[in-house]
Amino acid sequence: MCPDTQRHRGAHPDDRRLFAESQVPALRTATDELSWLLTRGYPIHASLKLVGDRYGLGERQRVAVSRAACSDTSRDRRRSSRLPLESLQGASVVVDGFNLLITVEAALSGGLILVCRDGCLRDLASVHGSYRHVQETEEALCLIGETLQTFAPATVEWLLDRPISNSGRLAQQIRDLAAQHSWPWSVELVFNPDPVLIASESIVLTSDSAILDGVKRWADVNAYLIPRQVPQAWRIDLRSESAVFAGP
């Protein structure tokens, strides 16, 4: 098992106030209303402003609502193309590297994890041209590796964004860790992983909304890994009361 490490990719200083239990009903209603507007074809930016202004949401609250919401069409398509993790056995898998890794890092470090309308778990972290290695990075990679080994894919190809600084260092860390554990992993640096992932015939591991709306087949590692391996993670469910969780 991976050793405990110090956590550094934690919550924003205002998050405990912005996402306190008293705020969740309004955030959940805002997510539901934004999803209603998206279902009817209203543009995301205008719709988010309308809903955010109505409930007096701050900027980070609006980001959370936008990540949690989706149209009925997107929700249904994502459900139909989603595969159980058991489908990974003996299969070729391609990983949306930063997307998967950063969510696990955030969960380990006490950052907010959103349970979204489509059943995916998403974080509020973002990479703005640079990836900063943190002390929970290796633990997150270990947990991902252990989870994938449980389902025994034949090959795992990690895709990292070449333009993001430090992506080369992360790629080498992933290669080194895979060699240590004899994991069947490879890493590629590409300028824009999104179209590569969408066009892939392999099973894609991601929770990125834009990719999920176009990908042929995908599986959700975070919805399995985080509740089991990081049970202390700070999770907030922004689905409506009647929603059925699509995750494991």
C-alpha atoms as a PDB file:
ATOM      1  CA  MET A   1       0.000   0.000   0.000  1.00  0.00           C
ATOM      2  CA  CYS A   2       1.072   3.557  -0.523  1.00  0.00           C
ATOM      3  CA  PRO A   3       2.441   5.479   2.454  1.00  0.00           C
ATOM      4  CA  ASP A   4       0.575   8.342   4.052  1.00  0.00           C
ATOM      5  CA  THR A   5       1.729  11.712   2.793  1.00  0.00           C
ATOM      6  CA  GLN A   6       1.225  15.308   3.746  1.00  0.00           C
ATOM      7  CA  ARG A   7      -1.752  16.870   1.952  1.00  0.00           C
ATOM      8  CA  HIS A   8      -1.303  20.107   0.083  1.00  0.00           C
ATOM      9  CA  ARG A   9      -3.968  20.339  -2.642  1.00  0.00           C
ATOM     10  CA  GLY A  10      -6.647  21.316  -0.148  1.00  0.00           C
ATOM     11  CA  ALA A  11      -9.726  23.475  -0.018  1.00  0.00           C
ATOM     12  CA  HIS A  12      -9.819  27.200  -0.713  1.00  0.00           C
ATOM     13  CA  PRO A  13      -9.886  29.202   2.551  1.00  0.00           C
ATOM     14  CA  ASP A  14     -13.483  30.279   1.864  1.00  0.00           C
ATOM     15  CA  ASP A  15     -14.824  26.863   0.888  1.00  0.00           C
ATOM     16  CA  ARG A  16     -15.985  25.800   4.353  1.00  0.00           C
ATOM     17  CA  ARG A  17     -18.226  28.878   4.410  1.00  0.00           C
ATOM     18  CA  LEU A  18     -19.289  28.792   0.758  1.00  0.00           C
ATOM     19  CA  PHE A  19     -20.122  25.085   0.878  1.00  0.00           C
ATOM     20  CA  ALA A  20     -21.363  24.772   4.443  1.00  0.00           C
ATOM     21  CA  GLU A  21     -24.319  22.484   5.051  1.00  0.00           C
ATOM     22  CA  SER A  22     -26.629  25.506   5.146  1.00  0.00           C
ATOM     23  CA  GLN A  23     -25.591  26.396   1.576  1.00  0.00           C
ATOM     24  CA  VAL A  24     -26.223  22.980   0.038  1.00  0.00           C
ATOM     25  CA  PRO A  25     -30.015  23.302  -0.554  1.00  0.00           C
ATOM     26  CA  ALA A  26     -29.546  26.489  -2.594  1.00  0.00           C
ATOM     27  CA  LEU A  27     -26.610  24.990  -4.504  1.00  0.00           C
ATOM     28  CA  ARG A  28     -28.599  21.854  -5.242  1.00  0.00           C
ATOM     29  CA  THR A  29     -31.592  23.867  -6.460  1.00  0.00           C
ATOM     30  CA  ALA A  30     -29.308  26.049  -8.593  1.00  0.00           C
ATOM     31  CA  THR A  31     -27.785  22.923 -10.152  1.00  0.00           C
ATOM     32  CA  ASP A  32     -31.250  21.572 -10.910  1.00  0.00           C
ATOM     33  CA  GLU A  33     -32.425  24.856 -12.462  1.00  0.00           C
ATOM     34  CA  LEU A  34     -29.255  25.284 -14.530  1.00  0.00           C
ATOM     35  CA  SER A  35     -29.718  21.724 -15.809  1.00  0.00           C
ATOM     36  CA  TRP A  36     -33.328  22.581 -16.729  1.00  0.00           C
ATOM     37  CA  LEU A  37     -32.157  25.577 -18.759  1.00  0.00           C
ATOM     38  CA  LEU A  38     -29.399  23.592 -20.469  1.00  0.00           C
ATOM     39  CA  THR A  39     -31.898  20.875 -21.372  1.00  0.00           C
ATOM     40  CA  ARG A  40     -33.944  23.507 -23.205  1.00  0.00           C
ATOM     41  CA  GLY A  41     -31.000  24.812 -25.155  1.00  0.00           C
ATOM     42  CA  TYR A  42     -30.183  27.981 -23.241  1.00  0.00           C
ATOM     43  CA  PRO A  43     -26.489  28.987 -23.357  1.00  0.00           C
ATOM     44  CA  ILE A  44     -24.383  28.029 -20.363  1.00  0.00           C
ATOM     45  CA  HIS A  45     -22.896  31.447 -19.537  1.00  0.00           C
ATOM     46  CA  ALA A  46     -26.176  33.375 -19.600  1.00  0.00           C
ATOM     47  CA  SER A  47     -27.960  30.572 -17.765  1.00  0.00           C
ATOM     48  CA  LEU A  48     -25.311  30.375 -15.052  1.00  0.00           C
ATOM     49  CA  LYS A  49     -25.463  34.125 -14.518  1.00  0.00           C
ATOM     50  CA  LEU A  50     -29.251  33.995 -14.254  1.00  0.00           C
ATOM     51  CA  VAL A  51     -29.230  31.161 -11.736  1.00  0.00           C
ATOM     52  CA  GLY A  52     -26.219  32.481  -9.835  1.00  0.00           C
ATOM     53  CA  ASP A  53     -27.738  35.940  -9.475  1.00  0.00           C
ATOM     54  CA  ARG A  54     -31.063  34.492  -8.377  1.00  0.00           C
ATOM     55  CA  TYR A  55     -29.452  32.644  -5.473  1.00  0.00           C
ATOM     56  CA  GLY A  56     -26.700  35.169  -4.756  1.00  0.00           C
ATOM     57  CA  LEU A  57     -23.931  32.679  -5.449  1.00  0.00           C
ATOM     58  CA  GLY A  58     -20.249  33.554  -5.191  1.00  0.00           C
ATOM     59  CA  GLU A  59     -17.762  32.774  -7.950  1.00  0.00           C
ATOM     60  CA  ARG A  60     -16.612  29.417  -6.583  1.00  0.00           C
ATOM     61  CA  GLN A  61     -20.197  28.406  -5.909  1.00  0.00           C
ATOM     62  CA  ARG A  62     -21.021  29.183  -9.539  1.00  0.00           C
ATOM     63  CA  VAL A  63     -18.087  27.086 -10.701  1.00  0.00           C
ATOM     64  CA  ALA A  64     -19.366  24.200  -8.581  1.00  0.00           C
ATOM     65  CA  VAL A  65     -22.886  24.494  -9.982  1.00  0.00           C
ATOM     66  CA  SER A  66     -21.608  24.673 -13.557  1.00  0.00           C
ATOM     67  CA  ARG A  67     -19.516  21.523 -13.060  1.00  0.00           C
ATOM     68  CA  ALA A  68     -22.356  19.636 -11.392  1.00  0.00           C
ATOM     69  CA  ALA A  69     -25.106  20.528 -13.873  1.00  0.00           C
ATOM     70  CA  CYS A  70     -25.784  19.015 -17.284  1.00  0.00           C
ATOM     71  CA  SER A  71     -28.665  18.713 -19.710  1.00  0.00           C
ATOM     72  CA  ASP A  72     -30.897  15.657 -19.780  1.00  0.00           C
ATOM     73  CA  THR A  73     -29.407  14.747 -23.167  1.00  0.00           C
ATOM     74  CA  SER A  74     -25.847  14.851 -21.816  1.00  0.00           C
ATOM     75  CA  ARG A  75     -26.804  12.919 -18.685  1.00  0.00           C
ATOM     76  CA  ASP A  76     -28.524  10.176 -20.681  1.00  0.00           C
ATOM     77  CA  ARG A  77     -25.729   9.919 -23.251  1.00  0.00           C
ATOM     78  CA  ARG A  78     -23.075   9.671 -20.563  1.00  0.00           C
ATOM     79  CA  ARG A  79     -25.006   6.931 -18.821  1.00  0.00           C
ATOM     80  CA  SER A  80     -25.431   4.961 -22.038  1.00  0.00           C
ATOM     81  CA  SER A  81     -21.714   5.074 -22.948  1.00  0.00           C
ATOM     82  CA  ARG A  82     -20.465   4.366 -19.437  1.00  0.00           C
ATOM     83  CA  LEU A  83     -19.008   0.930 -18.750  1.00  0.00           C
ATOM     84  CA  PRO A  84     -18.593  -0.831 -15.398  1.00  0.00           C
ATOM     85  CA  LEU A  85     -15.012  -1.084 -14.206  1.00  0.00           C
ATOM     86  CA  GLU A  86     -15.189  -4.841 -14.689  1.00  0.00           C
ATOM     87  CA  SER A  87     -15.080  -4.094 -18.421  1.00  0.00           C
ATOM     88  CA  LEU A  88     -11.463  -2.990 -18.006  1.00  0.00           C
ATOM     89  CA  GLN A  89     -10.259  -6.570 -17.577  1.00  0.00           C
ATOM     90  CA  GLY A  90      -7.997  -7.418 -20.510  1.00  0.00           C
ATOM     91  CA  ALA A  91      -8.899  -4.184 -22.286  1.00  0.00           C
ATOM     92  CA  SER A  92      -6.903  -1.236 -23.581  1.00  0.00           C
ATOM     93  CA  VAL A  93      -7.424   1.853 -21.448  1.00  0.00           C
ATOM     94  CA  VAL A  94      -6.523   5.497 -22.063  1.00  0.00           C
ATOM     95  CA  VAL A  95      -6.374   7.955 -19.168  1.00  0.00           C
ATOM     96  CA  ASP A  96      -7.172  11.669 -19.158  1.00  0.00           C
ATOM     97  CA  GLY A  97      -4.141  12.154 -16.949  1.00  0.00           C
ATOM     98  CA  PHE A  98      -4.521  15.524 -15.262  1.00  0.00           C
ATOM     99  CA  ASN A  99      -8.283  15.086 -14.925  1.00  0.00           C
ATOM    100  CA  LEU A 100      -8.017  11.818 -13.029  1.00  0.00           C
ATOM    101  CA  LEU A 101      -4.939  12.621 -10.966  1.00  0.00           C
ATOM    102  CA  ILE A 102      -5.964  16.060  -9.718  1.00  0.00           C
ATOM    103  CA  THR A 103      -9.351  14.839  -8.467  1.00  0.00           C
ATOM    104  CA  VAL A 104      -7.696  12.114  -6.391  1.00  0.00           C
ATOM    105  CA  GLU A 105      -5.104  14.601  -5.113  1.00  0.00           C
ATOM    106  CA  ALA A 106      -7.895  16.972  -4.083  1.00  0.00           C
ATOM    107  CA  ALA A 107      -9.781  14.196  -2.292  1.00  0.00           C
ATOM    108  CA  LEU A 108      -6.652  13.197  -0.371  1.00  0.00           C
ATOM    109  CA  SER A 109      -5.896  16.769   0.671  1.00  0.00           C
ATOM    110  CA  GLY A 110      -9.336  17.773   1.940  1.00  0.00           C
ATOM    111  CA  GLY A 111     -10.445  19.645  -1.170  1.00  0.00           C
ATOM    112  CA  LEU A 112     -14.112  19.735  -2.060  1.00  0.00           C
ATOM    113  CA  ILE A 113     -15.413  16.858  -4.194  1.00  0.00           C
ATOM    114  CA  LEU A 114     -18.746  17.328  -5.949  1.00  0.00           C
ATOM    115  CA  VAL A 115     -21.192  14.517  -6.648  1.00  0.00           C
ATOM    116  CA  CYS A 116     -22.590  15.762  -9.951  1.00  0.00           C
ATOM    117  CA  ARG A 117     -25.854  15.239 -11.798  1.00  0.00           C
ATOM    118  CA  ASP A 118     -24.342  12.639 -14.145  1.00  0.00           C
ATOM    119  CA  GLY A 119     -22.979  10.644 -11.188  1.00  0.00           C
ATOM    120  CA  CYS A 120     -19.352  11.717 -11.697  1.00  0.00           C
ATOM    121  CA  LEU A 121     -17.165  13.050  -8.908  1.00  0.00           C
ATOM    122  CA  ARG A 122     -15.453  16.340  -9.772  1.00  0.00           C
ATOM    123  CA  ASP A 123     -13.194  18.765  -7.928  1.00  0.00           C
ATOM    124  CA  LEU A 124     -12.861  22.547  -7.981  1.00  0.00           C
ATOM    125  CA  ALA A 125      -9.138  22.563  -8.713  1.00  0.00           C
ATOM    126  CA  SER A 126      -7.824  23.739 -12.060  1.00  0.00           C
ATOM    127  CA  VAL A 127      -4.568  23.820 -13.980  1.00  0.00           C
ATOM    128  CA  HIS A 128      -3.761  27.202 -15.508  1.00  0.00           C
ATOM    129  CA  GLY A 129      -0.837  26.425 -17.752  1.00  0.00           C
ATOM    130  CA  SER A 130       1.227  24.841 -14.986  1.00  0.00           C
ATOM    131  CA  TYR A 131       0.977  21.675 -12.919  1.00  0.00           C
ATOM    132  CA  ARG A 132       2.486  21.837  -9.445  1.00  0.00           C
ATOM    133  CA  HIS A 133       3.675  18.570  -7.966  1.00  0.00           C
ATOM    134  CA  VAL A 134       2.391  18.206  -4.404  1.00  0.00           C
ATOM    135  CA  GLN A 135       3.146  15.733  -1.672  1.00  0.00           C
ATOM    136  CA  GLU A 136      -0.021  13.747  -2.244  1.00  0.00           C
ATOM    137  CA  THR A 137       0.810  13.205  -5.927  1.00  0.00           C
ATOM    138  CA  GLU A 138       2.617   9.885  -5.433  1.00  0.00           C
ATOM    139  CA  GLU A 139      -0.056   8.584  -3.082  1.00  0.00           C
ATOM    140  CA  ALA A 140      -2.741   9.508  -5.612  1.00  0.00           C
ATOM    141  CA  LEU A 141      -0.837   7.703  -8.392  1.00  0.00           C
ATOM    142  CA  CYS A 142      -0.419   4.657  -6.152  1.00  0.00           C
ATOM    143  CA  LEU A 143      -4.127   4.535  -5.368  1.00  0.00           C
ATOM    144  CA  ILE A 144      -4.993   4.851  -9.043  1.00  0.00           C
ATOM    145  CA  GLY A 145      -2.515   2.103  -9.869  1.00  0.00           C
ATOM    146  CA  GLU A 146      -3.845  -0.222  -7.182  1.00  0.00           C
ATOM    147  CA  THR A 147      -7.422   0.373  -8.326  1.00  0.00           C
ATOM    148  CA  LEU A 148      -6.586  -0.299 -11.957  1.00  0.00           C
ATOM    149  CA  GLN A 149      -4.693  -3.462 -11.032  1.00  0.00           C
ATOM    150  CA  THR A 150      -7.841  -4.692  -9.297  1.00  0.00           C
ATOM    151  CA  PHE A 151      -9.596  -4.669 -12.675  1.00  0.00           C
ATOM    152  CA  ALA A 152      -6.541  -5.826 -14.674  1.00  0.00           C
ATOM    153  CA  PRO A 153      -6.567  -3.886 -17.953  1.00  0.00           C
ATOM    154  CA  ALA A 154      -4.127  -5.167 -20.574  1.00  0.00           C
ATOM    155  CA  THR A 155      -2.608  -1.736 -21.230  1.00  0.00           C
ATOM    156  CA  VAL A 156      -3.003   1.735 -19.738  1.00  0.00           C
ATOM    157  CA  GLU A 157      -1.951   4.789 -21.741  1.00  0.00           C
ATOM    158  CA  TRP A 158      -1.768   8.083 -19.877  1.00  0.00           C
ATOM    159  CA  LEU A 159      -2.244  11.260 -21.917  1.00  0.00           C
ATOM    160  CA  LEU A 160      -0.859  14.519 -20.506  1.00  0.00           C
ATOM    161  CA  ASP A 161      -1.129  18.023 -21.965  1.00  0.00           C
ATOM    162  CA  ARG A 162       2.271  18.890 -23.421  1.00  0.00           C
ATOM    163  CA  PRO A 163       1.744  22.711 -23.150  1.00  0.00           C
ATOM    164  CA  ILE A 164       1.262  22.492 -19.368  1.00  0.00           C
ATOM    165  CA  SER A 165       4.562  23.114 -17.641  1.00  0.00           C
ATOM    166  CA  ASN A 166       5.946  20.260 -15.548  1.00  0.00           C
ATOM    167  CA  SER A 167       3.956  17.728 -17.582  1.00  0.00           C
ATOM    168  CA  GLY A 168       7.227  16.133 -18.677  1.00  0.00           C
ATOM    169  CA  ARG A 169       8.331  15.674 -15.062  1.00  0.00           C
ATOM    170  CA  LEU A 170       4.989  14.135 -14.159  1.00  0.00           C
ATOM    171  CA  ALA A 171       5.227  11.814 -17.153  1.00  0.00           C
ATOM    172  CA  GLN A 172       8.599  10.552 -15.949  1.00  0.00           C
ATOM    173  CA  GLN A 173       7.272  10.071 -12.416  1.00  0.00           C
ATOM    174  CA  ILE A 174       4.399   7.988 -13.796  1.00  0.00           C
ATOM    175  CA  ARG A 175       6.796   5.901 -15.900  1.00  0.00           C
ATOM    176  CA  ASP A 176       9.112   5.327 -12.920  1.00  0.00           C
ATOM    177  CA  LEU A 177       6.259   4.316 -10.627  1.00  0.00           C
ATOM    178  CA  ALA A 178       4.844   1.954 -13.255  1.00  0.00           C
ATOM    179  CA  ALA A 179       8.250   0.316 -13.667  1.00  0.00           C
ATOM    180  CA  GLN A 180       8.578  -0.165  -9.899  1.00  0.00           C
ATOM    181  CA  HIS A 181       5.213  -1.928  -9.712  1.00  0.00           C
ATOM    182  CA  SER A 182       5.317  -3.676 -13.111  1.00  0.00           C
ATOM    183  CA  TRP A 183       2.153  -1.887 -14.184  1.00  0.00           C
ATOM    184  CA  PRO A 184       1.426  -2.042 -17.951  1.00  0.00           C
ATOM    185  CA  TRP A 185       1.482   1.740 -18.323  1.00  0.00           C
ATOM    186  CA  SER A 186       2.773   4.128 -20.945  1.00  0.00           C
ATOM    187  CA  VAL A 187       2.669   7.947 -21.017  1.00  0.00           C
ATOM    188  CA  GLU A 188       2.286  10.270 -23.982  1.00  0.00           C
ATOM    189  CA  LEU A 189       2.526  14.061 -24.073  1.00  0.00           C
ATOM    190  CA  VAL A 190       0.102  15.550 -26.602  1.00  0.00           C
ATOM    191  CA  PHE A 191      -0.780  19.139 -27.356  1.00  0.00           C
ATOM    192  CA  ASN A 192      -4.526  18.612 -26.897  1.00  0.00           C
ATOM    193  CA  PRO A 193      -5.640  15.300 -25.384  1.00  0.00           C
ATOM    194  CA  ASP A 194      -9.373  15.982 -25.736  1.00  0.00           C
ATOM    195  CA  PRO A 195      -9.840  15.081 -29.437  1.00  0.00           C
ATOM    196  CA  VAL A 196      -7.481  12.132 -29.020  1.00  0.00           C
ATOM    197  CA  LEU A 197      -9.567  10.803 -26.135  1.00  0.00           C
ATOM    198  CA  ILE A 198     -12.844  11.375 -27.953  1.00  0.00           C
ATOM    199  CA  ALA A 199     -11.610   9.517 -31.044  1.00  0.00           C
ATOM    200  CA  SER A 200     -10.083   6.646 -29.090  1.00  0.00           C
ATOM    201  CA  GLU A 201     -11.387   3.098 -29.454  1.00  0.00           C
ATOM    202  CA  SER A 202     -10.010   2.286 -26.000  1.00  0.00           C
ATOM    203  CA  ILE A 203     -11.969   2.695 -22.775  1.00  0.00           C
ATOM    204  CA  VAL A 204     -11.421   6.269 -21.618  1.00  0.00           C
ATOM    205  CA  LEU A 205     -10.953   7.141 -17.950  1.00  0.00           C
ATOM    206  CA  THR A 206     -12.148  10.711 -17.386  1.00  0.00           C
ATOM    207  CA  SER A 207     -14.859  12.826 -15.783  1.00  0.00           C
ATOM    208  CA  ASP A 208     -14.376  15.794 -18.132  1.00  0.00           C
ATOM    209  CA  SER A 209     -17.832  16.830 -19.335  1.00  0.00           C
ATOM    210  CA  ALA A 210     -16.775  17.863 -22.831  1.00  0.00           C
ATOM    211  CA  ILE A 211     -15.002  14.561 -23.400  1.00  0.00           C
ATOM    212  CA  LEU A 212     -17.866  12.503 -21.972  1.00  0.00           C
ATOM    213  CA  ASP A 213     -20.274  14.104 -24.430  1.00  0.00           C
ATOM    214  CA  GLY A 214     -18.251  12.761 -27.364  1.00  0.00           C
ATOM    215  CA  VAL A 215     -16.392   9.674 -26.212  1.00  0.00           C
ATOM    216  CA  LYS A 216     -17.420   6.197 -27.380  1.00  0.00           C
ATOM    217  CA  ARG A 217     -16.788   4.292 -24.137  1.00  0.00           C
ATOM    218  CA  TRP A 218     -15.705   5.458 -20.709  1.00  0.00           C
ATOM    219  CA  ALA A 219     -15.417   4.290 -17.128  1.00  0.00           C
ATOM    220  CA  ASP A 220     -15.399   6.212 -13.869  1.00  0.00           C
ATOM    221  CA  VAL A 221     -12.462   5.372 -11.617  1.00  0.00           C
ATOM    222  CA  ASN A 222     -13.081   8.222  -9.154  1.00  0.00           C
ATOM    223  CA  ALA A 223     -16.617   7.130  -8.281  1.00  0.00           C
ATOM    224  CA  TYR A 224     -15.154   3.775  -7.263  1.00  0.00           C
ATOM    225  CA  LEU A 225     -11.804   4.837  -5.802  1.00  0.00           C
ATOM    226  CA  ILE A 226     -12.683   7.824  -3.651  1.00  0.00           C
ATOM    227  CA  PRO A 227     -15.477   6.328  -1.504  1.00  0.00           C
ATOM    228  CA  ARG A 228     -13.408   3.184  -0.885  1.00  0.00           C
ATOM    229  CA  GLN A 229      -9.835   4.462  -0.645  1.00  0.00           C
ATOM    230  CA  VAL A 230     -10.453   8.023   0.589  1.00  0.00           C
ATOM    231  CA  PRO A 231     -13.604   7.689   2.731  1.00  0.00           C
ATOM    232  CA  GLN A 232     -12.688  10.846   4.647  1.00  0.00           C
ATOM    233  CA  ALA A 233     -12.939  12.947   1.471  1.00  0.00           C
ATOM    234  CA  TRP A 234     -15.162  16.025   1.714  1.00  0.00           C
ATOM    235  CA  ARG A 235     -18.030  15.255  -0.661  1.00  0.00           C
ATOM    236  CA  ILE A 236     -21.118  17.348  -1.373  1.00  0.00           C
ATOM    237  CA  ASP A 237     -23.992  15.879  -3.362  1.00  0.00           C
ATOM    238  CA  LEU A 238     -25.502  18.476  -5.711  1.00  0.00           C
ATOM    239  CA  ARG A 239     -27.993  16.174  -7.378  1.00  0.00           C
ATOM    240  CA  SER A 240     -31.686  16.725  -6.795  1.00  0.00           C
ATOM    241  CA  GLU A 241     -33.298  14.692  -4.029  1.00  0.00           C
ATOM    242  CA  SER A 242     -34.930  12.311  -6.489  1.00  0.00           C
ATOM    243  CA  ALA A 243     -31.749  11.608  -8.499  1.00  0.00           C
ATOM    244  CA  VAL A 244     -30.291   8.112  -8.531  1.00  0.00           C
ATOM    245  CA  PHE A 245     -26.520   7.940  -8.149  1.00  0.00           C
ATOM    246  CA  ALA A 246     -25.022   6.384 -11.260  1.00  0.00           C
ATOM    247  CA  GLY A 247     -21.764   5.496  -9.549  1.00  0.00           C
ATOM    248  CA  PRO A 248     -20.768   2.239  -7.875  1.00  0.00           C
END
